[in-house]
N, C-alpha and C. Protein backbone atom coordinates (compact mmCIF):
# COMPACT_ATOMS: atom_id res chain seq x y z
N MET A 1 0.81 -1.35 0.08
CA MET A 1 -0.22 -0.34 0.05
C MET A 1 1.16 1.05 0.15
N ALA A 2 1.54 1.92 1.13
CA ALA A 2 2.65 2.85 0.72
C ALA A 2 3.33 2.56 -0.57
N ARG A 3 3.80 1.92 -0.64
CA ARG A 3 4.22 1.67 -2.74
C ARG A 3 3.33 2.35 -3.14
N THR A 4 2.92 2.00 -3.74
CA THR A 4 0.68 2.72 -4.37
C THR A 4 0.94 3.90 -3.83
N LEU A 5 1.39 4.13 -2.59
CA LEU A 5 1.04 6.07 -2.52
C LEU A 5 1.53 6.54 -3.12
N HIS A 6 3.75 6.05 -2.68
CA HIS A 6 5.38 6.72 -2.97
C HIS A 6 5.05 6.66 -5.04
N ARG A 7 4.33 5.44 -5.10
CA ARG A 7 3.38 5.97 -6.86
C ARG A 7 3.16 7.08 -7.57
N THR A 8 2.44 6.78 -6.85
CA THR A 8 0.97 7.19 -6.56
C THR A 8 1.88 9.63 -6.97
N ALA A 9 2.67 9.58 -6.07
CA ALA A 9 2.97 10.93 -5.84
C ALA A 9 4.02 11.19 -6.28
N ALA A 10 4.51 9.96 -6.74
CA ALA A 10 5.79 10.61 -8.21
C ALA A 10 4.68 10.15 -9.26
N PHE A 11 4.67 9.63 -9.24
CA PHE A 11 3.06 10.50 -10.84
C PHE A 11 2.21 11.50 -10.72
N THR A 12 1.90 11.48 -9.99
CA THR A 12 1.47 12.84 -10.23
C THR A 12 1.72 14.39 -9.71
N ALA A 13 3.04 13.74 -9.02
CA ALA A 13 4.18 15.51 -9.30
C ALA A 13 5.01 15.54 -10.73
N LEU A 14 5.45 14.19 -10.59
CA LEU A 14 5.75 14.03 -12.45
C LEU A 14 4.49 14.95 -13.83
N GLY A 15 3.28 14.40 -13.30
CA GLY A 15 2.76 15.40 -14.34
C GLY A 15 1.70 16.88 -14.16
N LYS A 16 2.46 16.87 -12.49
CA LYS A 16 1.61 18.03 -12.53
C LYS A 16 3.68 19.15 -13.19
N ALA A 17 3.98 19.05 -12.47
CA ALA A 17 5.49 19.30 -13.73
C ALA A 17 5.91 19.49 -14.42
N LEU A 18 5.40 18.85 -15.26
CA LEU A 18 5.27 18.50 -16.75
C LEU A 18 4.01 19.10 -17.48
N MET A 19 3.87 19.18 -16.66
CA MET A 19 2.17 20.62 -17.32
C MET A 19 2.93 22.52 -16.58
N LYS A 20 3.59 22.23 -15.38
CA LYS A 20 4.16 23.11 -15.07
C LYS A 20 4.86 24.12 -16.44
N GLY A 21 5.68 22.89 -16.87
CA GLY A 21 6.42 23.41 -17.71
C GLY A 21 6.48 24.31 -18.98
N THR A 22 5.12 23.11 -19.80
CA THR A 22 4.50 23.85 -20.98
C THR A 22 3.59 24.87 -20.08
N ARG A 23 3.72 25.60 -19.05
CA ARG A 23 2.61 26.64 -18.91
C ARG A 23 3.39 27.74 -18.40
N GLY A 24 5.06 28.30 -18.88
CA GLY A 24 5.46 29.22 -17.93
C GLY A 24 6.53 28.74 -16.66
N GLY A 25 6.75 27.51 -16.09
CA GLY A 25 7.04 26.78 -14.99
C GLY A 25 8.85 26.52 -16.00
N PRO A 26 10.01 26.85 -14.97
CA PRO A 26 11.12 25.75 -15.59
C PRO A 26 11.36 24.81 -16.95
N SER A 27 12.37 25.92 -17.38
CA SER A 27 12.83 24.49 -19.20
C SER A 27 13.29 23.06 -17.71
N ILE A 28 13.54 21.65 -18.77
CA ILE A 28 13.98 20.79 -18.50
C ILE A 28 15.34 21.62 -18.51
N GLY A 29 16.05 21.81 -18.82
CA GLY A 29 17.33 22.76 -19.24
C GLY A 29 17.78 23.01 -18.04
N LYS A 30 17.16 23.91 -16.98
CA LYS A 30 17.62 24.60 -16.64
C LYS A 30 16.68 23.74 -15.06
N ARG A 31 16.20 22.83 -14.80
CA ARG A 31 16.18 22.30 -14.19
C ARG A 31 17.53 20.83 -13.68
N LEU A 32 17.26 21.08 -15.03
CA LEU A 32 19.24 19.65 -14.85
C LEU A 32 19.81 20.90 -14.47
N ALA A 33 20.22 22.38 -14.84
CA ALA A 33 20.71 22.91 -14.81
C ALA A 33 20.92 23.19 -13.31
N ALA A 34 20.49 23.07 -12.31
CA ALA A 34 19.86 23.40 -11.21
C ALA A 34 20.71 21.95 -9.94
N LEU A 35 20.73 20.73 -10.68
CA LEU A 35 21.63 19.76 -10.08
C LEU A 35 22.42 19.66 -9.38
N PRO A 36 23.77 19.73 -10.48
CA PRO A 36 24.45 20.15 -9.72
C PRO A 36 24.43 21.52 -8.83
N ARG A 37 23.62 22.56 -8.53
CA ARG A 37 23.73 23.70 -7.52
C ARG A 37 22.79 22.66 -6.09
N MET A 38 22.26 22.50 -6.53
CA MET A 38 21.42 21.82 -5.29
C MET A 38 22.44 20.48 -4.87
N MET A 39 22.99 19.93 -5.15
CA MET A 39 24.18 18.80 -4.19
C MET A 39 24.67 19.55 -4.09
N MET A 40 25.58 21.25 -4.59
CA MET A 40 26.22 21.46 -3.27
C MET A 40 26.00 22.58 -1.97
N ALA A 41 24.80 23.00 -3.14
CA ALA A 41 24.08 23.56 -1.92
C ALA A 41 23.46 23.00 -0.30
N THR A 42 23.64 21.89 -1.14
CA THR A 42 22.90 20.32 -0.19
C THR A 42 24.19 19.74 0.75
N ALA A 43 25.25 19.90 0.77
CA ALA A 43 26.14 19.88 1.05
C ALA A 43 26.82 20.69 2.19
N ARG A 44 26.59 21.56 1.44
CA ARG A 44 27.01 22.62 1.70
C ARG A 44 26.04 23.15 3.73
N GLY A 45 24.99 22.51 3.47
CA GLY A 45 24.23 22.57 4.82
C GLY A 45 23.53 23.32 4.42
N GLU A 46 23.55 24.93 3.06
CA GLU A 46 22.48 25.53 3.18
C GLU A 46 21.00 24.95 2.57
N TYR A 47 21.02 24.22 2.26
CA TYR A 47 19.56 23.57 1.56
C TYR A 47 19.23 22.08 2.36
N ASP A 48 17.71 22.29 2.60
CA ASP A 48 17.26 21.86 3.47
C ASP A 48 17.28 20.13 2.36
N GLY A 49 18.22 19.55 1.12
CA GLY A 49 17.49 18.33 0.57
C GLY A 49 18.29 17.33 0.78
N GLY A 50 18.64 17.40 1.76
CA GLY A 50 19.74 15.63 2.33
C GLY A 50 19.13 15.17 1.59
N MET A 51 18.40 14.29 2.10
CA MET A 51 17.78 12.90 2.92
C MET A 51 17.00 13.15 1.35
N ARG A 52 16.72 13.93 0.76
CA ARG A 52 15.89 13.83 -0.48
C ARG A 52 17.25 13.67 -1.74
N VAL A 53 18.61 14.08 -1.93
CA VAL A 53 19.14 14.23 -2.49
C VAL A 53 20.02 13.08 -2.39
N ALA A 54 20.02 12.36 -0.72
CA ALA A 54 20.85 11.06 -1.61
C ALA A 54 18.82 10.13 -2.00
N MET A 55 18.16 9.88 -1.62
CA MET A 55 17.16 8.98 -2.22
C MET A 55 17.37 9.73 -3.79
N MET A 56 17.88 10.28 -4.68
CA MET A 56 17.74 10.21 -6.05
C MET A 56 19.38 10.05 -6.42
N ALA A 57 20.28 10.07 -5.76
CA ALA A 57 21.55 9.97 -6.09
C ALA A 57 20.69 8.32 -5.74
N ALA A 58 20.54 7.78 -4.93
CA ALA A 58 20.44 5.95 -4.44
C ALA A 58 19.80 5.69 -6.01
N ALA A 59 18.79 6.06 -5.88
CA ALA A 59 17.94 5.85 -7.83
C ALA A 59 18.38 5.55 -8.62
N THR A 60 19.55 6.41 -8.82
CA THR A 60 20.56 6.59 -10.73
C THR A 60 21.39 5.56 -10.14
N ALA A 61 21.46 5.12 -8.48
CA ALA A 61 22.65 4.11 -9.00
C ALA A 61 21.65 3.25 -9.13
N TYR A 62 20.94 2.64 -8.99
CA TYR A 62 19.91 1.87 -8.77
C TYR A 62 20.29 1.36 -9.66
N VAL A 63 19.40 2.62 -10.99
CA VAL A 63 18.76 1.77 -12.45
C VAL A 63 20.02 2.20 -12.82
N VAL A 64 21.01 2.16 -13.25
CA VAL A 64 22.96 1.90 -13.93
C VAL A 64 23.63 0.64 -13.36
N SER A 65 23.37 0.75 -11.98
CA SER A 65 24.03 -0.32 -11.71
C SER A 65 24.25 -2.38 -12.79
N PRO A 66 25.81 -2.49 -12.26
CA PRO A 66 25.24 -3.24 -13.65
C PRO A 66 24.96 -4.82 -12.63
N ILE A 67 24.85 -4.43 -11.05
CA ILE A 67 24.44 -5.70 -10.41
C ILE A 67 22.96 -5.79 -10.93
N ASP A 68 21.56 -5.47 -11.22
CA ASP A 68 20.21 -5.04 -11.50
C ASP A 68 20.14 -5.77 -12.88
N VAL A 69 21.21 -6.39 -13.75
CA VAL A 69 21.09 -6.49 -15.40
C VAL A 69 20.48 -8.70 -14.37
N VAL A 70 20.77 -8.36 -13.55
CA VAL A 70 20.88 -10.33 -13.49
C VAL A 70 18.70 -10.81 -13.58
N PRO A 71 18.02 -9.72 -12.48
CA PRO A 71 16.56 -9.74 -12.29
C PRO A 71 16.21 -9.38 -14.10
N GLU A 72 16.84 -9.53 -14.93
CA GLU A 72 16.45 -9.36 -16.43
C GLU A 72 16.42 -10.31 -17.06
N LEU A 73 17.77 -11.08 -16.86
CA LEU A 73 18.32 -12.77 -17.24
C LEU A 73 16.59 -13.67 -16.89
N PHE A 74 16.27 -13.37 -14.91
CA PHE A 74 16.11 -14.33 -14.83
C PHE A 74 14.46 -14.47 -15.23
N LEU A 75 14.44 -13.04 -14.80
CA LEU A 75 12.27 -12.93 -14.51
C LEU A 75 11.94 -12.31 -16.19
N TRP A 76 12.98 -10.68 -17.12
CA TRP A 76 12.19 -10.89 -18.20
C TRP A 76 11.73 -9.53 -17.59
N VAL A 77 10.02 -9.24 -18.01
CA VAL A 77 9.89 -8.05 -17.87
C VAL A 77 8.51 -7.80 -16.57
N PHE A 78 8.65 -8.76 -15.31
CA PHE A 78 9.50 -7.98 -14.34
C PHE A 78 10.76 -7.09 -13.07
N GLY A 79 11.36 -7.52 -14.36
CA GLY A 79 12.77 -7.41 -14.17
C GLY A 79 13.29 -5.82 -14.54
N LEU A 80 12.34 -5.69 -15.47
CA LEU A 80 12.11 -4.15 -16.44
C LEU A 80 11.83 -3.37 -15.51
N VAL A 81 10.88 -4.11 -15.19
CA VAL A 81 9.17 -3.11 -14.22
C VAL A 81 10.10 -2.20 -13.59
N ASP A 82 10.57 -2.53 -12.57
CA ASP A 82 11.18 -2.36 -11.24
C ASP A 82 11.45 -0.26 -11.86
N ASP A 83 12.87 -1.04 -12.66
CA ASP A 83 13.43 -0.61 -12.66
C ASP A 83 12.91 1.05 -13.68
N ALA A 84 11.65 0.23 -14.55
CA ALA A 84 10.43 1.29 -15.52
C ALA A 84 9.49 2.16 -14.02
N ALA A 85 9.10 1.91 -12.84
CA ALA A 85 8.85 1.98 -11.65
C ALA A 85 9.78 3.35 -11.50
N MET A 86 11.10 2.16 -11.12
CA MET A 86 12.39 3.57 -9.89
C MET A 86 12.64 4.97 -11.04
N ILE A 87 12.50 4.70 -12.57
CA ILE A 87 12.61 5.41 -13.37
C ILE A 87 11.46 7.47 -13.13
N ALA A 88 11.25 6.35 -13.24
CA ALA A 88 9.08 7.24 -12.58
C ALA A 88 9.36 7.97 -11.76
N TRP A 89 9.38 7.04 -11.01
CA TRP A 89 9.85 8.06 -8.98
C TRP A 89 10.85 8.62 -9.50
N LEU A 90 12.02 8.51 -10.21
CA LEU A 90 13.40 9.61 -10.17
C LEU A 90 12.42 10.50 -11.05
N ALA A 91 11.73 10.15 -11.99
CA ALA A 91 11.49 12.29 -12.62
C ALA A 91 10.72 12.40 -11.76
N GLY A 92 9.47 12.34 -11.10
CA GLY A 92 9.12 13.15 -10.63
C GLY A 92 9.47 13.70 -9.51
N THR A 93 10.69 12.66 -8.75
CA THR A 93 11.40 13.26 -8.14
C THR A 93 12.88 14.77 -7.66
N VAL A 94 13.04 14.20 -8.66
CA VAL A 94 14.33 15.88 -9.63
C VAL A 94 12.84 16.48 -9.96
N LEU A 95 11.94 16.42 -10.61
CA LEU A 95 11.69 17.44 -11.63
C LEU A 95 10.83 18.31 -10.06
N SER A 96 9.86 17.53 -8.70
CA SER A 96 9.56 18.77 -7.95
C SER A 96 10.70 19.35 -7.10
N GLU A 97 11.32 18.52 -6.58
CA GLU A 97 12.39 18.62 -5.78
C GLU A 97 13.53 20.18 -6.72
N THR A 98 13.84 20.04 -8.24
CA THR A 98 14.05 21.36 -8.01
C THR A 98 13.79 22.48 -8.91
N ASP A 99 11.95 21.90 -8.92
CA ASP A 99 11.86 23.43 -8.91
C ASP A 99 10.84 24.05 -7.60
N ARG A 100 11.71 23.05 -6.37
CA ARG A 100 11.55 24.20 -5.07
C ARG A 100 12.95 24.90 -4.77
N PHE A 101 13.50 24.00 -4.51
CA PHE A 101 15.52 24.41 -5.17
C PHE A 101 15.56 25.61 -5.77
N LEU A 102 15.10 25.29 -7.10
CA LEU A 102 14.48 26.26 -8.40
C LEU A 102 14.04 28.65 -7.12
N GLU A 103 13.04 27.52 -6.76
CA GLU A 103 11.88 28.72 -6.06
C GLU A 103 13.01 29.12 -4.39
N TRP A 104 13.85 27.75 -3.69
CA TRP A 104 13.91 28.58 -2.18
C TRP A 104 15.46 29.80 -2.72
N GLU A 105 16.34 29.53 -4.59
CA GLU A 105 17.31 30.68 -4.63
C GLU A 105 16.79 31.38 -4.77
N ARG A 106 15.26 31.26 -5.85
CA ARG A 106 15.24 33.17 -5.53
C ARG A 106 14.34 34.03 -4.67
N GLN A 107 13.91 32.69 -3.85
CA GLN A 107 13.59 33.55 -2.42
C GLN A 107 15.15 34.26 -2.00
N ARG A 108 15.75 33.20 -1.54
CA ARG A 108 17.64 33.47 -1.91
C ARG A 108 18.40 34.63 -1.55
N ALA A 109 17.74 35.11 -2.93
CA ALA A 109 18.56 35.75 -3.76
C ALA A 109 17.35 37.66 -3.68
N SER A 110 16.62 37.05 -3.19
CA SER A 110 16.15 38.00 -3.03
C SER A 110 16.45 39.38 -1.68
N ILE A 111 16.98 38.22 0.17
CA ILE A 111 17.28 38.39 1.10
C ILE A 111 18.76 39.15 1.08
N LEU A 112 19.21 39.95 1.32
CA LEU A 112 19.58 40.96 1.37
C LEU A 112 20.93 40.53 2.73
N PRO A 113 22.38 39.80 2.49
CA PRO A 113 23.53 39.82 3.10
C PRO A 113 24.02 40.57 4.79
N GLY A 114 23.87 40.52 5.18
CA GLY A 114 24.24 41.99 6.62
C GLY A 114 23.52 40.93 7.67
N THR A 115 23.80 41.82 8.64
CA THR A 115 23.92 41.43 9.99
C THR A 115 22.59 42.93 10.20
N VAL A 116 21.36 42.27 11.86
CA VAL A 116 20.99 42.63 12.29
C VAL A 116 21.36 44.01 13.76
N VAL A 117 21.05 45.41 13.21
CA VAL A 117 21.82 46.70 13.87
C VAL A 117 20.84 46.73 15.15
N SER A 118 20.43 46.85 15.94
CA SER A 118 19.66 47.94 17.53
C SER A 118 20.18 48.72 17.50
């Protein structure tokens, strides 16, 4: 049940992000360009994407891992279905997280650095 909810949320986020992108939202190129900045800001502790960025990295490693070839050899379609579900979740998560990060960058740019004088 929980997996179904997570997949549903990922597909919903993917659909929303794709629709938003066609209606004036950030383009896929801007989102992909934001990924390295998001990872660096997370590593520096400036952005709060720690666990989400780690899960995206783990999902990417799972999809490109050669160890995952074994289920495809024995289970054919079922071995490919888990990869397809992981790619769909990863795409939805990357789209929603980069949207959140780009909004964080916009808000951060509007704040002037300095100290409060009393």
